Amino acid sequence: MSDSTSGSISKAEIGRYGVWSLGLRNEDPGRRGEIGEAAAELQELGYGTAWLGGSSAPVNALPLLEKTDRLIVATSIQSIWQHDARESAAGYAEVEAAHPGRFLLGLGVSHARLTEQYRRPYSALVEYLDELDAAGVPAGRRVLAALGPKTVRLAGERSLGAIPYLVTPEHTARAREILGQEPLLAPEFAVVLESDPARARELARGHLDMYLQLPNYTTNFQRLGFTEDDLRDGGSDRLIDALYAWGDDDTIRGKVNAFLEAGADHVALQVVQEGSPDDLHRAAWRKLAGILL
């Protein structure tokens, strides 16, 4: 950890399980109340953290923080290209003043195919963190999206820890070895609440399709031992079954907890099912709570 760790959020506050959702960061003013109600229910169900999917910003956390008193809310992730460091620091300060101690600034470099200004991503991230330090954003109140070893190490040195996306327990074990025991390790993991193999894999492939077009992810899959054949035609069964939990309750519980056994402190659960990415999967979050909490 960096020396600038005042005000760090503890692992106990973050909890063992959280929810990752694109719907929770919806900016439609008409949905603000609905999002707040969903956040209050997540807290009541026992989840520790709500992760705002997509390129979210501190302001997106406010509807959730306003309706809760314990839930940690985090961006997952804010692209460093979309919001400059001064803007991020100002947003952090605004949220912190209104709701002290409950917001985590999740940052990442996004992808070359999605960002015109993408350049020297690692160096750009280091420079961004330097600017946040200068602006007074504590290292203990930010986390980094990290897949490769170099960025995982940076997450442990310059932030509260790492929030890898679309990974396996094997990746978690490697990341923990790099980080050591103190930094937070909070991978995202997708869950398909289906027991039929064909239907579960169909839903998972629909979700995975866009990520198979992004080299940051495919390179990481290959580091984990998957082959070019695994990446074809929407992903092999082997790849799908490694990246998604599906099946009966015991199977899902075992797949999720495999991350904790591999060294994760927390698992950010993303529900994959039919419907719009902006849906609030409240019934599914209740069912998952019944399985895990």
Protein backbone atom coordinates (compact mmCIF):
# COMPACT_ATOMS: atom_id res chain seq x y z
CA MET A 1 0.00 0.00 0.00
CA SER A 2 1.04 3.59 -0.53
CA ASP A 3 1.59 5.88 2.46
CA SER A 4 -1.62 7.74 1.54
CA THR A 5 -4.05 5.27 3.10
CA SER A 6 -6.00 7.42 5.56
CA GLY A 7 -9.67 6.57 5.62
CA SER A 8 -9.28 3.11 4.11
CA ILE A 9 -12.41 1.01 3.94
CA SER A 10 -11.93 -2.30 5.71
CA LYS A 11 -12.41 -5.74 4.22
CA ALA A 12 -15.08 -6.39 6.85
CA GLU A 13 -17.08 -3.39 5.62
CA ILE A 14 -16.74 -4.51 1.99
CA GLY A 15 -18.00 -7.96 3.00
CA ARG A 16 -17.56 -11.36 1.38
CA TYR A 17 -20.21 -10.86 -1.31
CA GLY A 18 -21.41 -7.93 -3.37
CA VAL A 19 -23.52 -7.23 -6.43
CA TRP A 20 -22.11 -5.95 -9.75
CA SER A 21 -24.78 -4.33 -11.93
CA LEU A 22 -25.07 -2.03 -14.93
CA GLY A 23 -28.61 -1.20 -13.85
CA LEU A 24 -27.47 0.32 -10.56
CA ARG A 25 -25.64 3.11 -12.41
CA ASN A 26 -28.57 4.18 -14.59
CA GLU A 27 -28.61 7.97 -14.97
CA ASP A 28 -32.33 8.32 -15.79
CA PRO A 29 -33.72 10.63 -13.07
CA GLY A 30 -36.96 8.71 -13.23
CA ARG A 31 -35.21 5.57 -11.97
CA ARG A 32 -33.38 7.20 -9.06
CA GLY A 33 -35.97 6.08 -6.50
CA GLU A 34 -36.04 2.52 -7.86
CA ILE A 35 -32.25 2.30 -7.69
CA GLY A 36 -32.24 3.59 -4.13
CA GLU A 37 -34.86 1.02 -3.12
CA ALA A 38 -32.81 -1.76 -4.73
CA ALA A 39 -29.71 -0.62 -2.85
CA ALA A 40 -31.61 -0.61 0.44
CA GLU A 41 -32.73 -4.17 -0.24
CA LEU A 42 -29.17 -5.27 -1.08
CA GLN A 43 -28.04 -3.93 2.29
CA GLU A 44 -30.92 -5.68 4.06
CA LEU A 45 -30.12 -8.96 2.30
CA GLY A 46 -26.59 -8.83 3.66
CA TYR A 47 -24.48 -7.84 0.66
CA GLY A 48 -21.54 -5.67 1.62
CA THR A 49 -20.90 -3.73 -1.58
CA ALA A 50 -22.72 -2.56 -4.69
CA TRP A 51 -20.47 -2.29 -7.75
CA LEU A 52 -21.69 0.15 -10.40
CA GLY A 53 -21.02 -1.53 -13.73
CA GLY A 54 -19.90 0.22 -16.89
CA SER A 55 -17.89 3.43 -17.00
CA SER A 56 -19.46 4.90 -13.90
CA ALA A 57 -18.46 8.01 -11.96
CA PRO A 58 -18.74 9.04 -8.29
CA VAL A 59 -22.01 10.89 -8.90
CA ASN A 60 -23.63 7.58 -9.91
CA ALA A 61 -23.14 6.32 -6.34
CA LEU A 62 -25.35 8.99 -4.76
CA PRO A 63 -28.80 7.37 -5.32
CA LEU A 64 -27.56 4.23 -3.55
CA LEU A 65 -25.74 5.97 -0.72
CA GLU A 66 -28.71 8.21 0.04
CA LYS A 67 -30.97 5.22 0.78
CA THR A 68 -28.49 3.12 2.80
CA ASP A 69 -26.34 3.56 5.87
CA ARG A 70 -23.84 0.68 5.68
CA LEU A 71 -23.60 -0.43 2.06
CA ILE A 72 -20.28 0.34 0.35
CA VAL A 73 -20.75 1.66 -3.20
CA ALA A 74 -17.97 1.46 -5.80
CA THR A 75 -17.42 2.31 -9.46
CA SER A 76 -16.47 -0.72 -11.55
CA ILE A 77 -15.06 0.89 -13.37
CA GLN A 78 -14.48 4.56 -14.10
CA SER A 79 -12.38 4.84 -17.25
CA ILE A 80 -9.35 7.06 -16.79
CA TRP A 81 -9.88 8.33 -20.35
CA GLN A 82 -13.47 9.42 -19.79
CA HIS A 83 -12.90 11.50 -16.63
CA ASP A 84 -9.61 13.27 -15.93
CA ALA A 85 -8.02 12.97 -12.51
CA ARG A 86 -9.05 16.43 -11.31
CA GLU A 87 -12.66 15.68 -12.22
CA SER A 88 -12.45 12.31 -10.45
CA ALA A 89 -10.95 13.89 -7.33
CA ALA A 90 -13.70 16.52 -7.24
CA GLY A 91 -16.37 13.85 -7.65
CA TYR A 92 -14.81 11.75 -4.91
CA ALA A 93 -14.67 14.75 -2.55
CA GLU A 94 -18.35 15.57 -3.19
CA VAL A 95 -19.51 12.03 -2.44
CA GLU A 96 -17.21 11.69 0.56
CA ALA A 97 -18.52 14.92 2.07
CA ALA A 98 -22.12 13.75 1.74
CA HIS A 99 -21.58 10.10 2.76
CA PRO A 100 -18.25 9.69 4.56
CA GLY A 101 -16.44 6.39 4.41
CA ARG A 102 -18.73 4.45 2.06
CA PHE A 103 -17.48 5.15 -1.47
CA LEU A 104 -14.71 3.38 -3.39
CA LEU A 105 -13.34 4.85 -6.62
CA GLY A 106 -12.80 1.90 -8.98
CA LEU A 107 -10.52 2.86 -11.89
CA GLY A 108 -9.36 1.18 -15.08
CA VAL A 109 -7.82 1.77 -18.48
CA SER A 110 -10.72 0.35 -20.54
CA HIS A 111 -9.83 -1.03 -24.00
CA ALA A 112 -8.12 0.25 -27.14
CA ARG A 113 -11.12 -0.66 -29.30
CA LEU A 114 -13.45 1.38 -27.09
CA THR A 115 -11.30 4.45 -26.46
CA GLU A 116 -9.81 6.73 -29.12
CA GLN A 117 -7.25 8.29 -26.77
CA TYR A 118 -5.96 4.90 -25.56
CA ARG A 119 -2.16 5.11 -25.30
CA ARG A 120 0.53 3.71 -23.02
CA PRO A 121 -2.20 2.48 -20.66
CA TYR A 122 0.03 1.45 -17.77
CA SER A 123 1.99 4.72 -17.76
CA ALA A 124 -1.24 6.69 -18.11
CA LEU A 125 -2.69 4.88 -15.09
CA VAL A 126 0.41 5.61 -13.00
CA GLU A 127 0.22 9.30 -13.94
CA TYR A 128 -3.48 9.34 -13.08
CA LEU A 129 -2.76 7.90 -9.63
CA ASP A 130 -0.05 10.49 -9.10
CA GLU A 131 -2.60 13.22 -9.82
CA LEU A 132 -5.12 11.66 -7.43
CA ASP A 133 -2.43 11.57 -4.73
CA ALA A 134 -1.74 15.27 -5.31
CA ALA A 135 -5.47 16.02 -5.11
CA GLY A 136 -5.81 14.21 -1.78
CA VAL A 137 -7.71 11.07 -2.81
CA PRO A 138 -6.39 8.41 -0.41
CA ALA A 139 -4.95 5.21 -1.86
CA GLY A 140 -7.18 3.30 0.55
CA ARG A 141 -10.29 4.69 -1.13
CA ARG A 142 -9.56 3.54 -4.68
CA VAL A 143 -9.24 0.15 -6.36
CA LEU A 144 -7.91 -0.83 -9.77
CA ALA A 145 -9.28 -3.09 -12.48
CA ALA A 146 -6.31 -5.40 -13.04
CA LEU A 147 -5.78 -8.49 -15.17
CA GLY A 148 -2.06 -8.73 -15.97
CA PRO A 149 0.63 -9.20 -13.31
CA LYS A 150 2.07 -5.69 -13.68
CA THR A 151 -1.25 -3.95 -13.08
CA VAL A 152 -2.17 -6.33 -10.26
CA ARG A 153 1.10 -5.37 -8.55
CA LEU A 154 0.35 -1.68 -9.10
CA ALA A 155 -3.09 -2.15 -7.52
CA GLY A 156 -1.48 -3.48 -4.37
CA GLU A 157 1.11 -0.71 -4.24
CA ARG A 158 -1.05 2.31 -5.11
CA SER A 159 -4.61 1.45 -4.07
CA LEU A 160 -6.69 -0.60 -1.66
CA GLY A 161 -6.40 -3.51 -4.08
CA ALA A 162 -7.51 -5.19 -7.31
CA ILE A 163 -10.94 -5.76 -8.85
CA PRO A 164 -10.35 -8.18 -11.76
CA TYR A 165 -13.23 -8.75 -14.18
CA LEU A 166 -14.07 -11.96 -16.08
CA VAL A 167 -11.55 -14.19 -14.36
CA THR A 168 -11.27 -17.61 -12.75
CA PRO A 169 -10.16 -18.90 -9.34
CA GLU A 170 -6.81 -19.71 -10.95
CA HIS A 171 -6.37 -16.03 -11.78
CA THR A 172 -7.35 -15.18 -8.20
CA ALA A 173 -4.67 -17.48 -6.79
CA ARG A 174 -2.02 -15.88 -9.01
CA ALA A 175 -3.20 -12.37 -8.15
CA ARG A 176 -3.09 -13.13 -4.41
CA GLU A 177 0.47 -14.37 -4.74
CA ILE A 178 1.45 -11.09 -6.41
CA LEU A 179 -0.49 -8.87 -3.99
CA GLY A 180 0.41 -10.54 -0.72
CA GLN A 181 -2.16 -10.82 2.03
CA GLU A 182 -2.98 -7.20 2.92
CA PRO A 183 -4.42 -5.67 -0.29
CA LEU A 184 -8.05 -6.26 -1.22
CA LEU A 185 -8.75 -8.80 -3.95
CA ALA A 186 -12.36 -8.59 -5.17
CA PRO A 187 -12.96 -10.36 -8.50
CA GLU A 188 -16.21 -10.06 -10.41
CA PHE A 189 -17.93 -13.37 -11.20
CA ALA A 190 -21.00 -13.93 -13.36
CA VAL A 191 -23.86 -16.18 -12.28
CA VAL A 192 -26.55 -17.73 -14.50
CA LEU A 193 -29.41 -18.99 -12.36
CA GLU A 194 -30.22 -21.84 -14.72
CA SER A 195 -29.77 -25.58 -14.20
CA ASP A 196 -30.26 -26.62 -17.83
CA PRO A 197 -26.77 -26.79 -19.41
CA ALA A 198 -27.82 -25.74 -22.92
CA ARG A 199 -29.86 -22.76 -21.71
CA ALA A 200 -27.25 -21.65 -19.17
CA ARG A 201 -24.45 -21.76 -21.73
CA GLU A 202 -26.58 -19.97 -24.31
CA LEU A 203 -27.13 -17.07 -21.91
CA ALA A 204 -23.46 -17.04 -20.93
CA ARG A 205 -22.30 -16.97 -24.56
CA GLY A 206 -24.62 -14.05 -25.27
CA HIS A 207 -22.98 -12.18 -22.43
CA LEU A 208 -19.42 -13.20 -23.31
CA ASP A 209 -19.62 -12.32 -27.00
CA MET A 210 -18.49 -8.69 -26.77
CA TYR A 211 -15.62 -9.55 -24.43
CA LEU A 212 -14.22 -12.07 -26.92
CA GLN A 213 -13.59 -9.08 -29.22
CA LEU A 214 -11.34 -7.37 -26.66
CA PRO A 215 -7.66 -8.42 -26.56
CA ASN A 216 -7.19 -7.51 -22.89
CA TYR A 217 -9.57 -10.34 -22.00
CA THR A 218 -8.57 -12.88 -24.64
CA THR A 219 -4.89 -12.42 -23.76
CA ASN A 220 -5.72 -13.05 -20.12
CA PHE A 221 -7.70 -16.18 -21.00
CA GLN A 222 -4.66 -17.50 -22.84
CA ARG A 223 -2.44 -16.71 -19.85
CA LEU A 224 -4.80 -18.92 -17.87
CA GLY A 225 -4.29 -21.84 -20.27
CA PHE A 226 -7.20 -21.47 -22.69
CA THR A 227 -6.45 -21.89 -26.38
CA GLU A 228 -7.55 -20.24 -29.61
CA ASP A 229 -10.04 -23.07 -30.00
CA ASP A 230 -11.60 -22.12 -26.65
CA LEU A 231 -12.16 -18.58 -27.94
CA ARG A 232 -14.02 -19.55 -31.13
CA ASP A 233 -17.76 -19.73 -31.75
CA GLY A 234 -18.79 -17.88 -28.61
CA GLY A 235 -16.46 -19.80 -26.35
CA SER A 236 -15.97 -23.49 -25.67
CA ASP A 237 -17.93 -25.24 -22.94
CA ARG A 238 -14.67 -25.38 -20.99
CA LEU A 239 -14.28 -21.59 -21.14
CA ILE A 240 -17.95 -20.90 -20.38
CA ASP A 241 -17.99 -23.24 -17.41
CA ALA A 242 -14.86 -21.60 -15.99
CA LEU A 243 -16.17 -18.04 -16.32
CA TYR A 244 -19.81 -18.52 -15.27
CA ALA A 245 -21.54 -20.23 -12.36
CA TRP A 246 -24.66 -22.15 -13.32
CA GLY A 247 -26.45 -25.25 -12.06
CA ASP A 248 -28.18 -26.13 -8.81
CA ASP A 249 -27.74 -24.13 -5.60
CA ASP A 250 -24.89 -26.28 -4.29
CA THR A 251 -23.00 -26.03 -7.58
CA ILE A 252 -23.38 -22.25 -7.73
CA ARG A 253 -22.34 -21.88 -4.10
CA GLY A 254 -19.27 -24.01 -4.72
CA LYS A 255 -18.25 -22.09 -7.85
CA VAL A 256 -18.58 -18.73 -6.11
CA ASN A 257 -16.77 -19.82 -2.97
CA ALA A 258 -13.93 -21.27 -5.03
CA PHE A 259 -12.77 -17.66 -5.47
CA LEU A 260 -12.65 -17.16 -1.70
CA GLU A 261 -10.77 -20.42 -1.27
CA ALA A 262 -8.28 -19.26 -3.93
CA GLY A 263 -7.53 -16.08 -2.00
CA ALA A 264 -10.26 -13.54 -2.81
CA ASP A 265 -11.55 -11.38 0.02
CA HIS A 266 -14.82 -10.59 -1.75
CA VAL A 267 -16.73 -11.72 -4.84
CA ALA A 268 -18.72 -9.20 -6.90
CA LEU A 269 -21.63 -11.18 -8.35
CA GLN A 270 -23.06 -10.26 -11.73
CA VAL A 271 -26.37 -11.87 -12.65
CA VAL A 272 -26.70 -12.87 -16.32
CA GLN A 273 -30.23 -13.49 -17.56
CA GLU A 274 -32.65 -12.44 -20.27
CA GLY A 275 -33.64 -8.81 -20.55
CA SER A 276 -31.96 -5.43 -20.78
CA PRO A 277 -28.49 -4.87 -19.30
CA ASP A 278 -30.09 -1.99 -17.37
CA ASP A 279 -32.51 -4.29 -15.52
CA LEU A 280 -32.34 -4.51 -11.74
CA HIS A 281 -32.28 -8.25 -11.09
CA ARG A 282 -33.81 -8.01 -7.65
CA ALA A 283 -35.44 -11.45 -7.59
CA ALA A 284 -32.15 -13.03 -8.64
CA TRP A 285 -30.23 -11.07 -5.99
CA ARG A 286 -32.67 -12.38 -3.39
CA LYS A 287 -32.16 -15.94 -4.60
CA LEU A 288 -28.37 -15.55 -4.54
CA ALA A 289 -28.55 -14.18 -1.01
CA GLY A 290 -30.46 -17.28 -0.02
CA ILE A 291 -27.75 -19.46 -1.54
CA LEU A 292 -24.75 -17.59 -0.15
CA LEU A 293 -25.65 -15.45 2.84
